[in-house]
């Protein structure tokens, strides 16, 4: 059987080397979309969506709320957030929209935010395609303290 790990005779660098490459699409909750920073961005928003803002390459929306039954022909019982992220991913890989390097989630209600978080935590397809990253500092402009 072929050995896949570095042999004991390998250099100390090779023995201690660990690979950590996460190719999932970064997904970030934001209150303000930082679209002018040169990163190709798609948006996940609560329905009804506003027109696609300048600087975004794609936008999908969803209605938060209970999903249909597990045998449903339209969604298979997946939540609105899971289905929206699925549509966004498929549009990316099928070149139905511009290529994007991140997804910004802009939701107005706690229910919608909880549904997206649950999709990342509980849906295998969503978790395999997207990863949650912290909100960029540019989404919260510094507000000077009052004198």
N, C-alpha and C. Protein backbone atom coordinates (compact mmCIF):
# COMPACT_ATOMS: atom_id res chain seq x y z
N UNK A 1 0.84 -1.18 0.00
CA UNK A 1 0.00 0.00 0.00
C UNK A 1 0.88 1.24 0.00
N UNK A 2 0.52 2.20 -0.81
CA UNK A 2 1.31 3.42 -0.92
C UNK A 2 1.05 4.33 0.28
N UNK A 3 2.11 4.88 0.84
CA UNK A 3 2.00 5.75 1.99
C UNK A 3 1.63 7.16 1.52
N UNK A 4 0.56 7.72 2.09
CA UNK A 4 0.10 9.04 1.69
C UNK A 4 0.66 10.16 2.55
N UNK A 5 1.07 9.85 3.76
CA UNK A 5 1.61 10.86 4.65
C UNK A 5 3.12 10.95 4.47
N UNK A 6 3.74 12.06 4.85
CA UNK A 6 5.20 12.15 4.73
C UNK A 6 5.88 11.06 5.55
N UNK A 7 6.92 10.52 5.00
CA UNK A 7 7.64 9.45 5.69
C UNK A 7 8.43 10.04 6.85
N UNK A 8 8.82 9.19 7.81
CA UNK A 8 9.63 9.68 8.94
C UNK A 8 10.97 10.25 8.49
N UNK A 9 11.44 9.85 7.29
CA UNK A 9 12.71 10.36 6.79
C UNK A 9 12.56 11.73 6.13
N UNK A 10 11.32 12.20 5.97
CA UNK A 10 11.10 13.49 5.31
C UNK A 10 11.65 14.62 6.17
N UNK A 11 11.83 15.75 5.55
CA UNK A 11 12.37 16.91 6.27
C UNK A 11 11.40 17.32 7.38
N UNK A 12 11.91 18.02 8.40
CA UNK A 12 11.02 18.48 9.48
C UNK A 12 9.89 19.36 8.94
N UNK A 13 10.16 20.10 7.87
CA UNK A 13 9.13 20.95 7.28
C UNK A 13 7.99 20.09 6.73
N UNK A 14 8.30 19.04 6.01
CA UNK A 14 7.27 18.19 5.41
C UNK A 14 6.50 17.43 6.47
N UNK A 15 7.17 17.00 7.54
CA UNK A 15 6.47 16.25 8.58
C UNK A 15 5.48 17.13 9.32
N UNK A 16 5.78 18.40 9.49
CA UNK A 16 4.91 19.30 10.24
C UNK A 16 3.92 20.06 9.37
N UNK A 17 3.93 19.80 8.08
CA UNK A 17 3.09 20.55 7.16
C UNK A 17 1.65 20.08 7.26
N UNK A 18 0.75 21.02 7.38
CA UNK A 18 -0.68 20.71 7.40
C UNK A 18 -1.37 21.53 6.32
N UNK A 19 -2.22 20.88 5.56
CA UNK A 19 -2.96 21.57 4.51
C UNK A 19 -4.30 22.02 5.05
N UNK A 20 -4.62 23.27 4.80
CA UNK A 20 -5.94 23.77 5.19
C UNK A 20 -6.44 24.68 4.08
N UNK A 21 -7.03 24.08 3.09
CA UNK A 21 -7.55 24.82 1.95
C UNK A 21 -9.07 24.64 1.96
N UNK A 22 -9.79 25.72 2.17
CA UNK A 22 -11.24 25.67 2.20
C UNK A 22 -11.76 26.37 0.95
N UNK A 23 -12.25 25.60 0.01
CA UNK A 23 -12.68 26.17 -1.27
C UNK A 23 -14.16 26.52 -1.30
N UNK A 24 -14.83 26.40 -0.17
CA UNK A 24 -16.24 26.80 -0.13
C UNK A 24 -16.35 28.31 -0.32
N UNK A 25 -17.48 28.75 -0.81
CA UNK A 25 -17.70 30.17 -1.07
C UNK A 25 -17.95 30.89 0.25
N UNK A 26 -17.20 31.96 0.53
CA UNK A 26 -17.41 32.69 1.79
C UNK A 26 -18.78 33.38 1.79
N UNK A 27 -19.48 33.27 2.89
CA UNK A 27 -20.80 33.88 3.07
C UNK A 27 -20.74 34.73 4.33
N UNK A 28 -21.16 35.98 4.22
CA UNK A 28 -21.05 36.93 5.32
C UNK A 28 -22.36 37.66 5.52
N UNK A 29 -22.79 37.76 6.78
CA UNK A 29 -23.95 38.59 7.12
C UNK A 29 -23.49 40.04 7.18
N UNK A 30 -24.20 40.93 6.52
CA UNK A 30 -23.85 42.35 6.52
C UNK A 30 -25.10 43.19 6.70
N UNK A 31 -24.89 44.38 7.21
CA UNK A 31 -25.97 45.35 7.27
C UNK A 31 -25.86 46.32 6.10
N UNK A 32 -24.64 46.54 5.65
CA UNK A 32 -24.36 47.39 4.49
C UNK A 32 -23.45 46.59 3.58
N UNK A 33 -23.78 46.50 2.29
CA UNK A 33 -22.97 45.72 1.36
C UNK A 33 -21.77 46.52 0.89
N UNK A 34 -20.55 46.08 1.23
CA UNK A 34 -19.35 46.76 0.75
C UNK A 34 -19.04 46.31 -0.69
N UNK A 35 -19.69 46.94 -1.67
CA UNK A 35 -19.58 46.48 -3.05
C UNK A 35 -18.48 47.17 -3.84
N UNK A 36 -17.92 48.22 -3.37
CA UNK A 36 -16.91 48.94 -4.14
C UNK A 36 -15.49 48.50 -3.88
N UNK A 37 -15.28 47.32 -3.29
CA UNK A 37 -13.92 46.91 -2.92
C UNK A 37 -13.26 46.01 -3.94
N UNK A 38 -13.88 45.82 -5.11
CA UNK A 38 -13.26 45.05 -6.18
C UNK A 38 -13.44 43.54 -6.09
N UNK A 39 -14.17 43.04 -5.10
CA UNK A 39 -14.41 41.61 -4.98
C UNK A 39 -15.75 41.29 -5.64
N UNK A 40 -15.76 40.32 -6.56
CA UNK A 40 -16.99 39.92 -7.22
C UNK A 40 -17.95 39.36 -6.18
N UNK A 41 -19.14 39.95 -6.08
CA UNK A 41 -20.05 39.66 -4.99
C UNK A 41 -21.44 39.30 -5.48
N UNK A 42 -22.04 38.30 -4.83
CA UNK A 42 -23.44 37.97 -5.02
C UNK A 42 -24.17 38.29 -3.72
N UNK A 43 -25.46 38.58 -3.83
CA UNK A 43 -26.25 38.95 -2.67
C UNK A 43 -27.35 37.94 -2.42
N UNK A 44 -27.57 37.61 -1.15
CA UNK A 44 -28.72 36.83 -0.72
C UNK A 44 -29.55 37.78 0.13
N UNK A 45 -30.77 38.08 -0.32
CA UNK A 45 -31.60 39.06 0.36
C UNK A 45 -32.97 38.47 0.65
N UNK A 46 -33.64 39.12 1.59
CA UNK A 46 -35.02 38.76 1.90
C UNK A 46 -35.93 39.26 0.79
N UNK A 47 -36.95 38.49 0.46
CA UNK A 47 -37.90 38.90 -0.58
C UNK A 47 -38.83 39.97 -0.01
N UNK A 48 -39.30 40.87 -0.83
CA UNK A 48 -39.00 41.06 -2.25
C UNK A 48 -37.67 41.79 -2.42
N UNK A 49 -36.91 41.42 -3.44
CA UNK A 49 -35.60 42.04 -3.62
C UNK A 49 -35.70 43.42 -4.26
N UNK A 50 -34.74 44.25 -3.91
CA UNK A 50 -34.58 45.54 -4.58
C UNK A 50 -33.85 45.27 -5.90
N UNK A 51 -33.79 46.24 -6.80
CA UNK A 51 -33.01 46.03 -8.03
C UNK A 51 -31.55 45.69 -7.70
N UNK A 52 -30.91 44.95 -8.58
CA UNK A 52 -29.52 44.56 -8.38
C UNK A 52 -28.65 45.80 -8.27
N UNK A 53 -27.97 45.98 -7.14
CA UNK A 53 -27.13 47.18 -6.99
C UNK A 53 -25.88 47.10 -7.86
N UNK A 54 -25.37 48.27 -8.23
CA UNK A 54 -24.12 48.33 -8.98
C UNK A 54 -23.01 47.70 -8.15
N UNK A 55 -22.21 46.87 -8.79
CA UNK A 55 -21.11 46.21 -8.10
C UNK A 55 -21.41 44.77 -7.72
N UNK A 56 -22.68 44.37 -7.74
CA UNK A 56 -23.04 42.97 -7.47
C UNK A 56 -23.24 42.25 -8.79
N UNK A 57 -22.83 41.00 -8.86
CA UNK A 57 -22.97 40.23 -10.11
C UNK A 57 -24.21 39.36 -10.12
N UNK A 58 -24.80 39.10 -8.95
CA UNK A 58 -26.00 38.27 -8.87
C UNK A 58 -26.72 38.57 -7.58
N UNK A 59 -28.01 38.25 -7.58
CA UNK A 59 -28.81 38.44 -6.37
C UNK A 59 -29.94 37.41 -6.37
N UNK A 60 -30.15 36.75 -5.24
CA UNK A 60 -31.28 35.86 -5.07
C UNK A 60 -32.00 36.27 -3.80
N UNK A 61 -33.31 35.96 -3.76
CA UNK A 61 -34.09 36.32 -2.58
C UNK A 61 -34.88 35.10 -2.11
N UNK A 62 -35.37 35.20 -0.89
CA UNK A 62 -36.17 34.12 -0.32
C UNK A 62 -37.16 34.70 0.67
N UNK A 63 -38.26 33.98 0.85
CA UNK A 63 -39.24 34.31 1.87
C UNK A 63 -38.96 33.43 3.08
N UNK A 64 -38.61 34.01 4.23
CA UNK A 64 -38.39 33.18 5.40
C UNK A 64 -39.71 32.59 5.89
N UNK A 65 -39.63 31.43 6.43
CA UNK A 65 -40.83 30.80 6.95
C UNK A 65 -40.75 29.30 6.86
N UNK A 66 -41.83 28.63 7.24
CA UNK A 66 -41.80 27.17 7.25
C UNK A 66 -41.66 26.60 5.84
N UNK A 67 -40.94 25.50 5.76
CA UNK A 67 -40.77 24.85 4.46
C UNK A 67 -41.95 23.94 4.18
N UNK A 68 -42.03 23.45 2.96
CA UNK A 68 -43.08 22.52 2.57
C UNK A 68 -42.78 21.14 3.13
N UNK A 69 -43.63 20.18 2.84
CA UNK A 69 -43.43 18.83 3.34
C UNK A 69 -42.21 18.18 2.68
N UNK A 70 -41.61 17.16 3.29
CA UNK A 70 -40.43 16.52 2.70
C UNK A 70 -40.66 15.94 1.31
N UNK A 71 -41.90 15.63 0.95
CA UNK A 71 -42.18 15.04 -0.35
C UNK A 71 -42.60 16.09 -1.39
N UNK A 72 -42.42 17.36 -1.07
CA UNK A 72 -42.84 18.44 -1.97
C UNK A 72 -42.06 18.36 -3.29
N UNK A 73 -42.77 18.52 -4.39
CA UNK A 73 -42.13 18.47 -5.71
C UNK A 73 -41.35 19.71 -6.06
N UNK A 74 -41.65 20.84 -5.43
CA UNK A 74 -40.96 22.08 -5.79
C UNK A 74 -39.66 22.28 -5.01
N UNK A 75 -39.62 21.83 -3.75
CA UNK A 75 -38.44 22.13 -2.93
C UNK A 75 -37.91 20.95 -2.14
N UNK A 76 -38.66 19.86 -2.09
CA UNK A 76 -38.21 18.71 -1.33
C UNK A 76 -38.15 18.96 0.17
N UNK A 77 -38.89 19.97 0.65
CA UNK A 77 -38.90 20.27 2.08
C UNK A 77 -37.77 21.15 2.54
N UNK A 78 -36.99 21.69 1.62
CA UNK A 78 -35.87 22.57 2.00
C UNK A 78 -36.41 23.97 2.31
N UNK A 79 -35.74 24.69 3.18
CA UNK A 79 -36.17 26.04 3.54
C UNK A 79 -35.94 27.00 2.38
N UNK A 80 -36.54 28.17 2.49
CA UNK A 80 -36.36 29.18 1.45
C UNK A 80 -34.91 29.60 1.30
N UNK A 81 -34.18 29.71 2.42
CA UNK A 81 -32.76 30.09 2.36
C UNK A 81 -31.93 29.00 1.69
N UNK A 82 -32.21 27.74 2.01
CA UNK A 82 -31.48 26.63 1.38
C UNK A 82 -31.72 26.61 -0.12
N UNK A 83 -32.97 26.79 -0.53
CA UNK A 83 -33.30 26.78 -1.95
C UNK A 83 -32.67 27.98 -2.67
N UNK A 84 -32.66 29.14 -2.02
CA UNK A 84 -32.07 30.33 -2.65
C UNK A 84 -30.56 30.17 -2.82
N UNK A 85 -29.88 29.64 -1.80
CA UNK A 85 -28.44 29.41 -1.93
C UNK A 85 -28.15 28.34 -2.98
N UNK A 86 -29.01 27.37 -3.11
CA UNK A 86 -28.87 26.35 -4.15
C UNK A 86 -28.99 27.00 -5.53
N UNK A 87 -30.00 27.86 -5.73
CA UNK A 87 -30.16 28.56 -7.02
C UNK A 87 -28.94 29.43 -7.32
N UNK A 88 -28.41 30.09 -6.31
CA UNK A 88 -27.25 30.95 -6.51
C UNK A 88 -26.03 30.14 -6.92
N UNK A 89 -25.78 29.03 -6.25
CA UNK A 89 -24.65 28.18 -6.58
C UNK A 89 -24.77 27.62 -7.99
N UNK A 90 -25.97 27.14 -8.33
CA UNK A 90 -26.17 26.59 -9.67
C UNK A 90 -26.00 27.65 -10.75
N UNK A 91 -26.45 28.88 -10.50
CA UNK A 91 -26.25 29.96 -11.47
C UNK A 91 -24.76 30.23 -11.67
N UNK A 92 -23.99 30.12 -10.60
CA UNK A 92 -22.54 30.35 -10.70
C UNK A 92 -21.86 29.26 -11.53
N UNK A 93 -22.15 28.00 -11.24
CA UNK A 93 -21.44 26.92 -11.94
C UNK A 93 -21.94 26.74 -13.37
N UNK A 94 -23.15 27.16 -13.66
CA UNK A 94 -23.67 27.05 -15.02
C UNK A 94 -23.45 28.32 -15.84
N UNK A 95 -22.74 29.29 -15.29
CA UNK A 95 -22.43 30.56 -15.95
C UNK A 95 -23.70 31.31 -16.34
N UNK A 96 -24.73 31.23 -15.49
CA UNK A 96 -25.95 31.99 -15.73
C UNK A 96 -25.87 33.39 -15.13
N UNK A 97 -24.82 33.62 -14.37
CA UNK A 97 -24.54 34.95 -13.81
C UNK A 97 -23.03 35.13 -13.85
N UNK A 98 -22.58 36.30 -13.50
CA UNK A 98 -21.14 36.51 -13.44
C UNK A 98 -20.53 35.70 -12.30
N UNK A 99 -19.25 35.37 -12.43
CA UNK A 99 -18.54 34.63 -11.39
C UNK A 99 -18.43 35.51 -10.16
N UNK A 100 -18.66 34.94 -9.00
CA UNK A 100 -18.52 35.70 -7.75
C UNK A 100 -17.65 34.93 -6.78
N UNK A 101 -16.96 35.71 -5.93
CA UNK A 101 -16.02 35.13 -4.97
C UNK A 101 -16.55 35.14 -3.55
N UNK A 102 -17.70 35.76 -3.33
CA UNK A 102 -18.29 35.79 -2.00
C UNK A 102 -19.79 36.06 -2.12
N UNK A 103 -20.50 35.75 -1.03
CA UNK A 103 -21.92 36.04 -0.93
C UNK A 103 -22.13 36.89 0.31
N UNK A 104 -22.84 37.99 0.14
CA UNK A 104 -23.22 38.83 1.27
C UNK A 104 -24.70 38.61 1.55
N UNK A 105 -25.02 38.34 2.80
CA UNK A 105 -26.40 38.13 3.23
C UNK A 105 -26.88 39.41 3.87
N UNK A 106 -27.93 39.98 3.28
CA UNK A 106 -28.50 41.22 3.82
C UNK A 106 -29.97 40.93 4.10
N UNK A 107 -30.29 40.71 5.37
CA UNK A 107 -31.65 40.39 5.79
C UNK A 107 -32.10 41.41 6.82
N UNK A 108 -33.41 41.59 6.88
CA UNK A 108 -33.96 42.60 7.78
C UNK A 108 -34.55 42.03 9.05
N UNK A 109 -34.93 40.77 9.04
CA UNK A 109 -35.60 40.19 10.21
C UNK A 109 -34.73 39.13 10.86
N UNK A 110 -34.88 38.95 12.16
CA UNK A 110 -34.14 37.89 12.85
C UNK A 110 -34.52 36.49 12.35
N UNK A 111 -35.76 36.32 11.91
CA UNK A 111 -36.21 35.03 11.40
C UNK A 111 -35.44 34.65 10.14
N UNK A 112 -35.23 35.63 9.26
CA UNK A 112 -34.49 35.37 8.03
C UNK A 112 -33.03 35.03 8.34
N UNK A 113 -32.42 35.77 9.26
CA UNK A 113 -31.03 35.49 9.64
C UNK A 113 -30.91 34.11 10.25
N UNK A 114 -31.87 33.73 11.09
CA UNK A 114 -31.85 32.41 11.71
C UNK A 114 -32.02 31.30 10.67
N UNK A 115 -32.82 31.56 9.63
CA UNK A 115 -33.02 30.55 8.59
C UNK A 115 -31.76 30.34 7.77
N UNK A 116 -31.03 31.41 7.48
CA UNK A 116 -29.76 31.27 6.74
C UNK A 116 -28.74 30.54 7.61
N UNK A 117 -28.66 30.90 8.88
CA UNK A 117 -27.72 30.23 9.79
C UNK A 117 -28.06 28.74 9.91
N UNK A 118 -29.35 28.41 9.98
CA UNK A 118 -29.76 27.01 10.07
C UNK A 118 -29.41 26.26 8.79
N UNK A 119 -29.54 26.93 7.65
CA UNK A 119 -29.18 26.29 6.38
C UNK A 119 -27.70 25.93 6.36
N UNK A 120 -26.85 26.83 6.84
CA UNK A 120 -25.41 26.56 6.88
C UNK A 120 -25.07 25.45 7.87
N UNK A 121 -25.84 25.36 8.92
CA UNK A 121 -25.57 24.39 9.98
C UNK A 121 -26.18 23.01 9.69
N UNK A 122 -27.36 22.96 9.06
CA UNK A 122 -28.11 21.72 8.99
C UNK A 122 -28.24 21.11 7.60
N UNK A 123 -28.08 21.90 6.54
CA UNK A 123 -28.25 21.37 5.18
C UNK A 123 -26.89 20.96 4.62
N UNK A 124 -26.76 19.69 4.26
CA UNK A 124 -25.47 19.17 3.80
C UNK A 124 -24.99 19.86 2.53
N UNK A 125 -25.88 20.08 1.56
CA UNK A 125 -25.48 20.72 0.30
C UNK A 125 -25.03 22.15 0.54
N UNK A 126 -25.75 22.88 1.37
CA UNK A 126 -25.38 24.27 1.66
C UNK A 126 -24.05 24.32 2.39
N UNK A 127 -23.86 23.47 3.39
CA UNK A 127 -22.61 23.46 4.15
C UNK A 127 -21.42 23.04 3.30
N UNK A 128 -21.65 22.23 2.26
CA UNK A 128 -20.56 21.81 1.39
C UNK A 128 -20.16 22.91 0.40
N UNK A 129 -21.05 23.84 0.15
CA UNK A 129 -20.79 24.87 -0.86
C UNK A 129 -20.41 26.22 -0.27
N UNK A 130 -20.88 26.53 0.93
CA UNK A 130 -20.69 27.86 1.52
C UNK A 130 -20.12 27.73 2.92
N UNK A 131 -19.35 28.74 3.33
CA UNK A 131 -18.81 28.79 4.69
C UNK A 131 -19.04 30.18 5.26
N UNK A 132 -19.37 30.25 6.51
CA UNK A 132 -19.63 31.51 7.19
C UNK A 132 -18.31 32.17 7.57
N UNK A 133 -18.17 33.44 7.23
CA UNK A 133 -16.99 34.22 7.62
C UNK A 133 -17.47 35.48 8.35
N UNK A 134 -16.63 36.05 9.20
CA UNK A 134 -17.04 37.25 9.95
C UNK A 134 -17.35 38.42 9.03
N UNK A 135 -18.17 39.30 9.54
CA UNK A 135 -18.55 40.49 8.80
C UNK A 135 -17.33 41.40 8.62
N UNK A 136 -17.13 41.94 7.41
CA UNK A 136 -15.99 42.82 7.19
C UNK A 136 -16.14 44.12 7.97
N UNK A 137 -15.02 44.68 8.37
CA UNK A 137 -15.05 45.92 9.14
C UNK A 137 -15.68 47.06 8.34
N UNK A 138 -15.57 47.01 7.01
CA UNK A 138 -16.12 48.08 6.18
C UNK A 138 -17.64 48.13 6.23
N UNK A 139 -18.30 47.09 6.74
CA UNK A 139 -19.76 47.09 6.82
C UNK A 139 -20.23 47.90 8.01
N UNK A 140 -19.32 48.22 8.94
CA UNK A 140 -19.65 49.05 10.09
C UNK A 140 -18.73 50.26 10.10
N UNK A 141 -19.09 51.33 9.40
CA UNK A 141 -18.23 52.51 9.41
C UNK A 141 -18.05 53.03 10.83
N UNK A 142 -16.86 53.52 11.07
CA UNK A 142 -16.56 54.06 12.38
C UNK A 142 -17.40 55.32 12.61
N UNK A 143 -18.05 55.36 13.76
CA UNK A 143 -18.83 56.54 14.15
C UNK A 143 -18.05 57.24 15.24
N UNK A 144 -17.72 58.51 15.02
CA UNK A 144 -16.94 59.21 16.05
C UNK A 144 -17.75 59.34 17.35
N UNK A 145 -17.05 59.19 18.46
CA UNK A 145 -17.69 59.34 19.75
C UNK A 145 -18.03 60.79 20.00
N UNK A 146 -19.17 61.04 20.65
CA UNK A 146 -19.54 62.44 20.94
C UNK A 146 -18.58 63.04 21.94
N UNK A 147 -18.32 64.32 21.78
CA UNK A 147 -17.40 65.03 22.71
C UNK A 147 -18.05 65.41 23.99
